[in-house]
N, C-alpha and C. Protein backbone atom coordinates (compact mmCIF):
# COMPACT_ATOMS: atom_id res chain seq x y z
N MET A 1 5.83 -3.79 7.68
CA MET A 1 6.33 -4.58 6.59
C MET A 1 6.34 -3.70 5.33
N PRO A 2 7.43 -3.45 4.70
CA PRO A 2 7.46 -2.69 3.45
C PRO A 2 7.12 -3.53 2.18
N VAL A 3 6.42 -2.89 1.31
CA VAL A 3 6.18 -3.52 -0.03
C VAL A 3 6.43 -2.52 -1.10
N GLY A 4 6.95 -2.91 -2.20
CA GLY A 4 7.23 -2.00 -3.32
C GLY A 4 6.01 -1.59 -4.07
N VAL A 5 6.07 -0.43 -4.64
CA VAL A 5 5.04 0.11 -5.47
C VAL A 5 5.57 0.54 -6.84
N LEU A 6 6.54 1.49 -6.79
CA LEU A 6 7.03 2.01 -8.10
C LEU A 6 7.86 1.05 -8.84
N TYR A 7 8.63 0.24 -8.14
CA TYR A 7 9.54 -0.73 -8.75
C TYR A 7 9.10 -2.12 -8.55
N ASP A 8 7.81 -2.37 -8.42
CA ASP A 8 7.25 -3.72 -8.22
C ASP A 8 5.84 -3.75 -8.74
N THR A 9 5.13 -4.79 -8.53
CA THR A 9 3.74 -4.92 -9.02
C THR A 9 2.83 -5.11 -7.86
N PRO A 10 1.53 -4.80 -7.99
CA PRO A 10 0.55 -5.10 -6.91
C PRO A 10 0.43 -6.62 -6.62
N GLU A 11 0.59 -7.42 -7.64
CA GLU A 11 0.58 -8.84 -7.44
C GLU A 11 1.71 -9.34 -6.58
N ASN A 12 2.91 -8.85 -6.69
CA ASN A 12 4.04 -9.24 -5.87
C ASN A 12 3.84 -8.75 -4.44
N ALA A 13 3.27 -7.57 -4.22
CA ALA A 13 3.03 -7.09 -2.87
C ALA A 13 2.04 -8.02 -2.22
N VAL A 14 0.98 -8.41 -2.92
CA VAL A 14 -0.05 -9.31 -2.39
C VAL A 14 0.52 -10.67 -2.09
N ALA A 15 1.39 -11.15 -2.96
CA ALA A 15 2.00 -12.47 -2.70
C ALA A 15 2.95 -12.46 -1.49
N GLU A 16 3.62 -11.33 -1.29
CA GLU A 16 4.50 -11.23 -0.16
C GLU A 16 3.74 -11.26 1.18
N ILE A 17 2.61 -10.49 1.24
CA ILE A 17 1.78 -10.41 2.46
C ILE A 17 1.05 -11.71 2.66
N GLN A 18 0.54 -12.31 1.62
CA GLN A 18 -0.12 -13.62 1.74
C GLN A 18 0.82 -14.64 2.32
N TYR A 19 2.05 -14.66 1.85
CA TYR A 19 3.04 -15.64 2.42
C TYR A 19 3.18 -15.50 3.89
N LEU A 20 3.35 -14.19 4.28
CA LEU A 20 3.55 -13.93 5.73
C LEU A 20 2.32 -14.26 6.59
N LEU A 21 1.18 -13.94 6.06
CA LEU A 21 -0.08 -14.23 6.80
C LEU A 21 -0.31 -15.75 6.92
N ARG A 22 -0.05 -16.50 5.84
CA ARG A 22 -0.19 -17.92 5.92
C ARG A 22 0.66 -18.55 6.94
N ARG A 23 1.81 -17.92 7.23
CA ARG A 23 2.78 -18.45 8.21
C ARG A 23 2.56 -17.84 9.59
N ASN A 24 1.42 -17.18 9.76
CA ASN A 24 0.95 -16.61 10.98
C ASN A 24 1.92 -15.53 11.60
N TYR A 25 2.53 -14.79 10.70
CA TYR A 25 3.33 -13.65 11.18
C TYR A 25 2.32 -12.58 11.67
N HIS A 26 2.60 -11.95 12.70
CA HIS A 26 1.75 -10.90 13.19
C HIS A 26 2.14 -9.60 12.49
N LEU A 27 1.29 -9.11 11.63
CA LEU A 27 1.58 -7.83 10.93
C LEU A 27 0.59 -6.80 11.40
N GLU A 28 1.15 -5.64 11.90
CA GLU A 28 0.27 -4.56 12.28
C GLU A 28 0.03 -3.63 11.16
N GLY A 29 1.00 -3.43 10.30
CA GLY A 29 0.80 -2.50 9.16
C GLY A 29 1.74 -2.78 8.07
N ILE A 30 1.41 -2.13 6.91
CA ILE A 30 2.25 -2.25 5.73
C ILE A 30 2.58 -0.89 5.21
N GLU A 31 3.87 -0.65 4.96
CA GLU A 31 4.33 0.63 4.34
C GLU A 31 4.53 0.38 2.89
N MET A 32 3.75 1.08 2.10
CA MET A 32 3.80 0.94 0.69
C MET A 32 4.68 1.91 -0.03
N GLY A 33 5.52 1.38 -0.89
CA GLY A 33 6.27 2.23 -1.73
C GLY A 33 7.64 2.69 -1.34
N GLU A 34 8.32 3.21 -2.34
CA GLU A 34 9.62 3.76 -2.21
C GLU A 34 9.44 5.28 -2.30
N GLU A 35 10.55 6.00 -2.03
CA GLU A 35 10.50 7.42 -2.17
C GLU A 35 10.89 7.81 -3.62
N PRO A 36 9.94 8.23 -4.45
CA PRO A 36 10.23 8.52 -5.82
C PRO A 36 10.90 9.77 -6.17
N ASP A 37 11.53 10.37 -5.17
CA ASP A 37 12.30 11.65 -5.35
C ASP A 37 13.19 11.59 -6.60
N GLY A 38 13.03 12.46 -7.53
CA GLY A 38 13.92 12.54 -8.68
C GLY A 38 13.62 11.49 -9.74
N GLN A 39 12.58 10.66 -9.56
CA GLN A 39 12.32 9.61 -10.52
C GLN A 39 11.24 10.16 -11.47
N TRP A 40 11.01 9.44 -12.54
CA TRP A 40 10.07 9.92 -13.56
C TRP A 40 8.66 9.36 -13.24
N ALA A 41 8.13 9.86 -12.17
CA ALA A 41 6.73 9.52 -11.81
C ALA A 41 6.05 10.75 -11.24
N SER A 42 4.90 11.06 -11.80
CA SER A 42 4.16 12.25 -11.31
C SER A 42 3.50 11.86 -9.95
N PRO A 43 3.23 12.82 -9.10
CA PRO A 43 2.54 12.53 -7.83
C PRO A 43 1.20 11.79 -8.04
N GLU A 44 0.51 12.22 -9.11
CA GLU A 44 -0.73 11.57 -9.43
C GLU A 44 -0.63 10.09 -9.80
N ASP A 45 0.40 9.81 -10.63
CA ASP A 45 0.65 8.44 -11.05
C ASP A 45 1.06 7.54 -9.87
N TYR A 46 1.93 8.17 -9.03
CA TYR A 46 2.47 7.46 -7.87
C TYR A 46 1.33 7.14 -6.86
N ALA A 47 0.43 8.14 -6.64
CA ALA A 47 -0.78 7.91 -5.77
C ALA A 47 -1.67 6.84 -6.38
N ALA A 48 -1.85 6.83 -7.71
CA ALA A 48 -2.64 5.77 -8.35
C ALA A 48 -2.05 4.40 -8.13
N LEU A 49 -0.72 4.30 -8.22
CA LEU A 49 -0.09 3.01 -7.92
C LEU A 49 -0.29 2.60 -6.49
N CYS A 50 -0.17 3.55 -5.56
CA CYS A 50 -0.37 3.18 -4.13
C CYS A 50 -1.80 2.74 -3.94
N THR A 51 -2.76 3.38 -4.61
CA THR A 51 -4.19 3.02 -4.46
C THR A 51 -4.41 1.62 -4.99
N ALA A 52 -3.85 1.30 -6.13
CA ALA A 52 -4.04 -0.07 -6.64
C ALA A 52 -3.47 -1.12 -5.72
N VAL A 53 -2.29 -0.85 -5.14
CA VAL A 53 -1.69 -1.82 -4.25
C VAL A 53 -2.55 -1.88 -2.94
N ALA A 54 -3.02 -0.74 -2.43
CA ALA A 54 -3.82 -0.75 -1.20
C ALA A 54 -5.06 -1.51 -1.33
N ARG A 55 -5.74 -1.33 -2.46
CA ARG A 55 -6.97 -2.07 -2.68
C ARG A 55 -6.79 -3.56 -2.55
N GLN A 56 -5.75 -4.06 -3.20
CA GLN A 56 -5.50 -5.48 -3.17
C GLN A 56 -5.06 -5.96 -1.78
N LEU A 57 -4.24 -5.21 -1.07
CA LEU A 57 -3.78 -5.59 0.22
C LEU A 57 -4.94 -5.53 1.24
N ALA A 58 -5.84 -4.51 1.12
CA ALA A 58 -6.98 -4.38 2.05
C ALA A 58 -7.90 -5.65 1.98
N SER A 59 -7.92 -6.19 0.73
CA SER A 59 -8.78 -7.34 0.56
C SER A 59 -8.29 -8.66 1.29
N LEU A 60 -6.98 -8.66 1.65
CA LEU A 60 -6.41 -9.77 2.36
C LEU A 60 -6.77 -9.72 3.83
N ASN A 61 -6.76 -8.52 4.39
CA ASN A 61 -7.02 -8.40 5.82
C ASN A 61 -7.40 -6.96 6.09
N PRO A 62 -8.69 -6.58 6.26
CA PRO A 62 -9.11 -5.20 6.36
C PRO A 62 -8.60 -4.52 7.65
N ASN A 63 -8.05 -5.34 8.59
CA ASN A 63 -7.55 -4.78 9.85
C ASN A 63 -6.13 -4.30 9.76
N LEU A 64 -5.40 -4.55 8.67
CA LEU A 64 -3.99 -4.08 8.54
C LEU A 64 -3.99 -2.60 8.30
N LYS A 65 -3.10 -1.90 8.92
CA LYS A 65 -2.98 -0.51 8.66
C LYS A 65 -2.09 -0.29 7.46
N LEU A 66 -2.55 0.48 6.53
CA LEU A 66 -1.84 0.68 5.26
C LEU A 66 -1.40 2.15 5.18
N GLY A 67 -0.17 2.37 4.72
CA GLY A 67 0.29 3.71 4.58
C GLY A 67 1.54 3.74 3.76
N GLY A 68 2.08 4.92 3.61
CA GLY A 68 3.27 5.07 2.86
C GLY A 68 3.65 6.51 2.56
N ARG A 69 4.68 6.74 1.86
CA ARG A 69 5.20 8.11 1.56
C ARG A 69 4.14 8.94 0.86
N ALA A 70 3.53 8.42 -0.20
CA ALA A 70 2.62 9.23 -1.01
C ALA A 70 1.15 9.07 -0.63
N CYS A 71 0.76 8.00 0.01
CA CYS A 71 -0.63 7.76 0.30
C CYS A 71 -0.80 7.60 1.82
N LYS A 72 -1.86 8.18 2.27
CA LYS A 72 -2.20 8.00 3.72
C LYS A 72 -3.65 7.46 3.58
N ILE A 73 -3.75 6.17 4.02
CA ILE A 73 -4.99 5.47 3.80
C ILE A 73 -5.61 5.02 5.09
N SER A 74 -6.91 5.36 5.28
CA SER A 74 -7.51 5.03 6.59
C SER A 74 -8.01 3.62 6.53
N ARG A 75 -7.81 2.86 7.63
CA ARG A 75 -8.20 1.48 7.74
C ARG A 75 -9.69 1.34 7.55
N THR A 76 -10.48 2.28 8.07
CA THR A 76 -11.95 2.18 7.96
C THR A 76 -12.36 2.32 6.54
N ASN A 77 -11.86 3.22 5.79
CA ASN A 77 -12.22 3.35 4.38
C ASN A 77 -11.75 2.18 3.57
N CYS A 78 -10.60 1.60 3.88
CA CYS A 78 -10.11 0.41 3.15
C CYS A 78 -11.09 -0.78 3.30
N SER A 79 -11.54 -0.92 4.52
CA SER A 79 -12.38 -2.07 4.80
C SER A 79 -13.69 -2.02 4.01
N ARG A 80 -14.10 -0.81 3.68
CA ARG A 80 -15.30 -0.69 2.91
C ARG A 80 -15.08 -0.66 1.44
N GLY A 81 -13.77 -0.75 1.01
CA GLY A 81 -13.39 -0.74 -0.36
C GLY A 81 -13.25 0.66 -0.97
N ALA A 82 -13.53 1.71 -0.18
CA ALA A 82 -13.39 3.02 -0.66
C ALA A 82 -11.99 3.51 -0.24
N MET A 83 -11.36 4.29 -1.02
CA MET A 83 -10.00 4.77 -0.70
C MET A 83 -9.99 6.24 -0.37
N HIS A 84 -9.30 6.60 0.68
CA HIS A 84 -9.13 7.97 1.00
C HIS A 84 -7.64 8.24 0.82
N ARG A 85 -7.35 9.15 -0.09
CA ARG A 85 -5.94 9.44 -0.35
C ARG A 85 -5.67 10.87 -0.02
N GLU A 86 -4.46 11.09 0.47
CA GLU A 86 -4.00 12.43 0.76
C GLU A 86 -2.51 12.51 0.41
N ILE A 87 -2.16 13.41 -0.42
CA ILE A 87 -0.75 13.64 -0.75
C ILE A 87 -0.04 14.18 0.46
N VAL A 88 0.94 13.55 0.93
CA VAL A 88 1.68 13.95 2.14
C VAL A 88 2.94 14.69 1.65
N PRO A 89 3.14 15.93 2.16
CA PRO A 89 4.33 16.67 1.74
C PRO A 89 5.62 15.92 2.14
N GLY A 90 6.65 16.06 1.31
CA GLY A 90 7.91 15.33 1.53
C GLY A 90 8.65 15.95 2.66
């Protein structure tokens, strides 16, 4: 299930996933973010946005796999509240 990062807010991402979970949709994972190629966002800022979204989403269900273009987040680290980020080459 994709959620926006650069052109959305963490609160909207959480609301979208809460809606689906309340309706018992089976979600295996969440892909965070858009491809910011050519946009006015530094890799560090984009990774910070992904981290903010990931922290809030992980609090909904620590078993969801979280990932995306700029952030690679391990499920184990999310469940403990610690984030592991890795910038993934385009």
